[in-house]
Amino acid sequence: MKRELASKFVKKKLISLDTEVKVTHTVQDFGGNNMDQDDFYNIVEIKQKEFVGSSCVDGELLTFGPEQIKMIDGMSPERLGQAFKIK
């Protein structure tokens, strides 16, 4: 998701504390190689250019940018923007 769209979602309170988001982040596999993984996080802090989320599985905190968000409360950012007429 683009930063401009994320900023609009925060202003309209479509992204706020406790919003569930699907985030792509880098993890290490058993061989020590890096790979991308998608996980669900609840937003616990909104910073100026990034978010902090708590994992829905184990509660681990992750700091991520808007470009890593793939879904917001079960909807893609593009579809959510269309539903609320946000471009």
Protein backbone atom coordinates (compact mmCIF):
# COMPACT_ATOMS: atom_id res chain seq x y z
CA MET A 1 0.00 0.00 0.00
CA LYS A 2 1.27 3.48 -0.78
CA ARG A 3 2.14 5.89 2.02
CA GLU A 4 -0.38 8.48 0.79
CA LEU A 5 -3.22 5.97 0.96
CA ALA A 6 -2.14 4.81 4.44
CA SER A 7 -2.12 8.42 5.61
CA LYS A 8 -5.67 8.92 4.34
CA PHE A 9 -6.82 5.70 6.05
CA VAL A 10 -5.34 6.88 9.37
CA LYS A 11 -7.02 10.29 9.03
CA LYS A 12 -10.39 8.62 8.31
CA LYS A 13 -9.74 6.17 11.21
CA LEU A 14 -9.95 3.14 8.93
CA ILE A 15 -6.54 2.24 10.33
CA SER A 16 -6.43 2.78 14.07
CA LEU A 17 -5.38 0.95 17.22
CA ASP A 18 -6.49 -2.71 17.21
CA THR A 19 -7.01 -2.79 13.44
CA GLU A 20 -5.99 -6.21 12.12
CA VAL A 21 -3.61 -6.11 9.16
CA LYS A 22 -1.90 -8.76 7.08
CA VAL A 23 1.78 -7.85 6.78
CA THR A 24 4.58 -9.24 4.62
CA HIS A 25 7.87 -9.34 6.50
CA THR A 26 11.25 -11.07 6.20
CA VAL A 27 12.08 -14.08 8.39
CA GLN A 28 14.90 -16.62 8.42
CA ASP A 29 14.19 -20.22 7.47
CA PHE A 30 15.94 -23.22 9.04
CA GLY A 31 18.85 -22.97 6.59
CA GLY A 32 19.57 -19.37 7.55
CA ASN A 33 18.18 -17.94 4.32
CA ASN A 34 15.81 -14.99 4.31
CA MET A 35 12.28 -15.39 2.99
CA ASP A 36 9.10 -13.31 2.97
CA GLN A 37 6.22 -14.40 5.15
CA ASP A 38 2.68 -13.07 5.59
CA ASP A 39 1.31 -12.80 9.14
CA PHE A 40 -1.58 -11.05 10.87
CA TYR A 41 -0.91 -8.25 13.35
CA ASN A 42 -3.07 -5.95 15.47
CA ILE A 43 -1.86 -2.37 15.34
CA VAL A 44 -0.77 -1.19 18.80
CA GLU A 45 0.99 2.06 17.84
CA ILE A 46 0.82 4.45 14.91
CA LYS A 47 3.99 6.43 14.31
CA GLN A 48 4.49 9.13 11.71
CA LYS A 49 5.80 6.89 8.91
CA GLU A 50 5.35 3.38 10.32
CA PHE A 51 3.20 1.14 12.46
CA VAL A 52 3.86 -1.20 15.36
CA GLY A 53 1.82 -4.39 15.49
CA SER A 54 1.36 -7.26 17.89
CA SER A 55 1.24 -10.73 16.32
CA CYS A 56 -2.16 -12.41 16.45
CA VAL A 57 -0.35 -15.73 17.02
CA ASP A 58 2.28 -15.09 19.69
CA GLY A 59 2.06 -11.39 20.61
CA GLU A 60 5.52 -10.55 19.24
CA LEU A 61 5.88 -6.89 18.24
CA LEU A 62 6.84 -5.89 14.70
CA THR A 63 7.51 -2.45 13.24
CA PHE A 64 6.44 -2.18 9.61
CA GLY A 65 5.79 0.40 6.93
CA PRO A 66 2.62 0.92 4.92
CA GLU A 67 4.18 -0.75 1.87
CA GLN A 68 4.23 -4.05 3.81
CA ILE A 69 0.47 -4.05 4.49
CA LYS A 70 -1.43 -6.44 2.20
CA MET A 71 -4.86 -6.51 3.89
CA ILE A 72 -6.77 -4.33 6.36
CA ASP A 73 -9.50 -6.05 8.38
CA GLY A 74 -9.82 -8.68 5.65
CA MET A 75 -9.86 -6.32 2.64
CA SER A 76 -7.14 -5.28 0.26
CA PRO A 77 -6.17 -1.60 0.63
CA GLU A 78 -7.37 -0.87 -2.90
CA ARG A 79 -10.79 -2.40 -2.29
CA LEU A 80 -11.14 -0.64 1.08
CA GLY A 81 -10.30 2.65 -0.64
CA GLN A 82 -12.97 2.00 -3.27
CA ALA A 83 -15.56 1.14 -0.62
CA PHE A 84 -15.00 4.48 1.14
CA LYS A 85 -14.32 6.44 -2.07
CA ILE A 86 -10.71 7.19 -1.09
CA LYS A 87 -8.13 7.48 -3.84
